[in-house]
Amino acid sequence: MDRSIFQRRNDPEAREPDKHTFRWLSTLPAHVRPMELAKRYPRIVNRIALLWYEQPLCNKYLGSLILDRSRPGRAGFPAPIAKEIYHLHEYYVEQVCLWKFNEKEVFGFTVR
């Protein structure tokens, strides 16, 4: 797996949501549309939009935003943004994921 999708980029284009991201946002139901995330962390919402149809990768990426054990000192997101990410991930798992397993992967962990 290409781990570069999980890494921060210092890309000038990541300073605001791109055109693809705006189109993707418009396809989401209003109750899961991460608008505050887009305003405060455009590089993250750009990456989510890019990965949206890459189901295993997007699922893992969204999960890593909620629960990241690789950086123990990390403060995390402000509560309103964490809530947006949580609801978006919940929607993703319940409504978007097309694969069917006997086991369900949630937040990067297998739930039986």
Protein backbone atom coordinates (compact mmCIF):
# COMPACT_ATOMS: atom_id res chain seq x y z
CA MET A 1 0.00 0.00 0.00
CA ASP A 2 1.21 3.49 -0.83
CA ARG A 3 1.46 5.19 2.60
CA SER A 4 2.01 8.62 1.03
CA ILE A 5 -1.75 9.17 1.00
CA PHE A 6 -1.64 9.37 4.79
CA GLN A 7 1.21 11.88 4.92
CA ARG A 8 0.94 15.64 5.15
CA ARG A 9 1.86 17.54 2.00
CA ASN A 10 3.14 21.09 1.90
CA ASP A 11 1.44 21.67 -1.40
CA PRO A 12 0.22 25.23 -2.15
CA GLU A 13 -2.88 23.72 -3.77
CA ALA A 14 -3.76 22.10 -0.43
CA ARG A 15 -4.51 25.53 1.08
CA GLU A 16 -8.06 25.52 -0.21
CA PRO A 17 -10.56 22.92 -1.43
CA ASP A 18 -10.11 22.18 -5.12
CA LYS A 19 -12.82 21.96 -7.81
CA HIS A 20 -13.10 18.19 -7.47
CA THR A 21 -13.62 18.57 -3.73
CA PHE A 22 -16.44 21.08 -4.19
CA ARG A 23 -18.16 18.71 -6.62
CA TRP A 24 -17.74 15.83 -4.16
CA LEU A 25 -19.09 17.92 -1.26
CA SER A 26 -22.20 18.75 -3.29
CA THR A 27 -22.98 15.02 -3.67
CA LEU A 28 -23.11 14.44 0.09
CA PRO A 29 -26.26 14.78 2.19
CA ALA A 30 -26.19 18.04 4.14
CA HIS A 31 -26.05 16.28 7.51
CA VAL A 32 -22.68 14.65 6.70
CA ARG A 33 -21.11 17.38 4.59
CA PRO A 34 -17.83 18.35 6.38
CA MET A 35 -17.93 22.10 5.76
CA GLU A 36 -15.99 23.15 8.86
CA LEU A 37 -13.31 20.59 8.01
CA ALA A 38 -13.14 22.04 4.48
CA LYS A 39 -12.71 25.57 5.87
CA ARG A 40 -10.07 24.75 8.47
CA TYR A 41 -8.28 21.74 6.97
CA PRO A 42 -8.69 21.90 3.18
CA ARG A 43 -5.80 19.53 2.48
CA ILE A 44 -7.58 16.82 4.47
CA VAL A 45 -10.93 17.28 2.75
CA ASN A 46 -9.14 17.32 -0.64
CA ARG A 47 -7.58 13.97 0.24
CA ILE A 48 -10.91 12.49 1.38
CA ALA A 49 -12.54 13.57 -1.89
CA LEU A 50 -9.68 12.01 -3.85
CA LEU A 51 -9.95 8.71 -1.96
CA TRP A 52 -13.76 8.56 -1.71
CA TYR A 53 -14.20 5.76 -4.28
CA GLU A 54 -11.05 3.89 -3.22
CA GLN A 55 -12.97 2.11 -0.51
CA PRO A 56 -10.34 0.31 1.56
CA LEU A 57 -8.02 3.33 1.45
CA CYS A 58 -10.70 5.90 2.22
CA ASN A 59 -12.09 3.82 5.06
CA LYS A 60 -8.63 3.51 6.60
CA TYR A 61 -7.86 7.20 6.08
CA LEU A 62 -11.10 8.35 7.71
CA GLY A 63 -10.47 5.95 10.57
CA SER A 64 -6.93 7.25 11.01
CA LEU A 65 -8.28 10.80 11.35
CA ILE A 66 -10.51 9.68 14.21
CA LEU A 67 -8.17 7.28 15.97
CA ASP A 68 -4.46 7.64 15.30
CA ARG A 69 -2.28 5.60 17.62
CA SER A 70 0.89 6.25 15.64
CA ARG A 71 1.39 9.71 17.18
CA PRO A 72 0.63 9.45 20.93
CA GLY A 73 1.15 13.16 21.76
CA ARG A 74 -1.29 14.35 19.14
CA ALA A 75 -3.98 16.73 20.44
CA GLY A 76 -6.57 15.76 17.84
CA PHE A 77 -9.15 17.89 16.11
CA PRO A 78 -11.43 20.44 17.77
CA ALA A 79 -14.70 18.78 18.84
CA PRO A 80 -16.92 20.17 16.01
CA ILE A 81 -14.48 18.93 13.36
CA ALA A 82 -13.99 15.56 15.05
CA LYS A 83 -17.78 15.20 15.06
CA GLU A 84 -17.95 15.98 11.31
CA ILE A 85 -15.27 13.38 10.58
CA TYR A 86 -17.02 10.80 12.74
CA HIS A 87 -20.39 11.34 11.02
CA LEU A 88 -18.77 11.31 7.57
CA HIS A 89 -17.01 8.03 8.36
CA GLU A 90 -20.19 6.53 9.76
CA TYR A 91 -22.05 7.53 6.56
CA TYR A 92 -19.21 6.14 4.45
CA VAL A 93 -19.26 2.76 6.15
CA GLU A 94 -23.06 2.47 6.15
CA GLN A 95 -23.98 3.99 2.79
CA VAL A 96 -21.01 4.10 0.43
CA CYS A 97 -18.95 0.97 0.99
CA LEU A 98 -19.89 -1.58 -1.61
CA TRP A 99 -18.01 -4.59 -0.34
CA LYS A 100 -19.81 -7.27 1.64
CA PHE A 101 -17.92 -9.20 4.30
CA ASN A 102 -18.86 -11.37 7.21
CA GLU A 103 -16.51 -9.08 9.09
CA LYS A 104 -16.73 -5.30 8.95
CA GLU A 105 -13.68 -3.05 9.10
CA VAL A 106 -14.28 0.04 11.19
CA PHE A 107 -11.62 2.63 12.06
CA GLY A 108 -9.01 0.30 10.59
CA PHE A 109 -9.92 -2.58 12.94
CA THR A 110 -11.90 -5.70 12.17
CA VAL A 111 -15.18 -6.03 14.05
CA ARG A 112 -16.81 -9.47 14.19
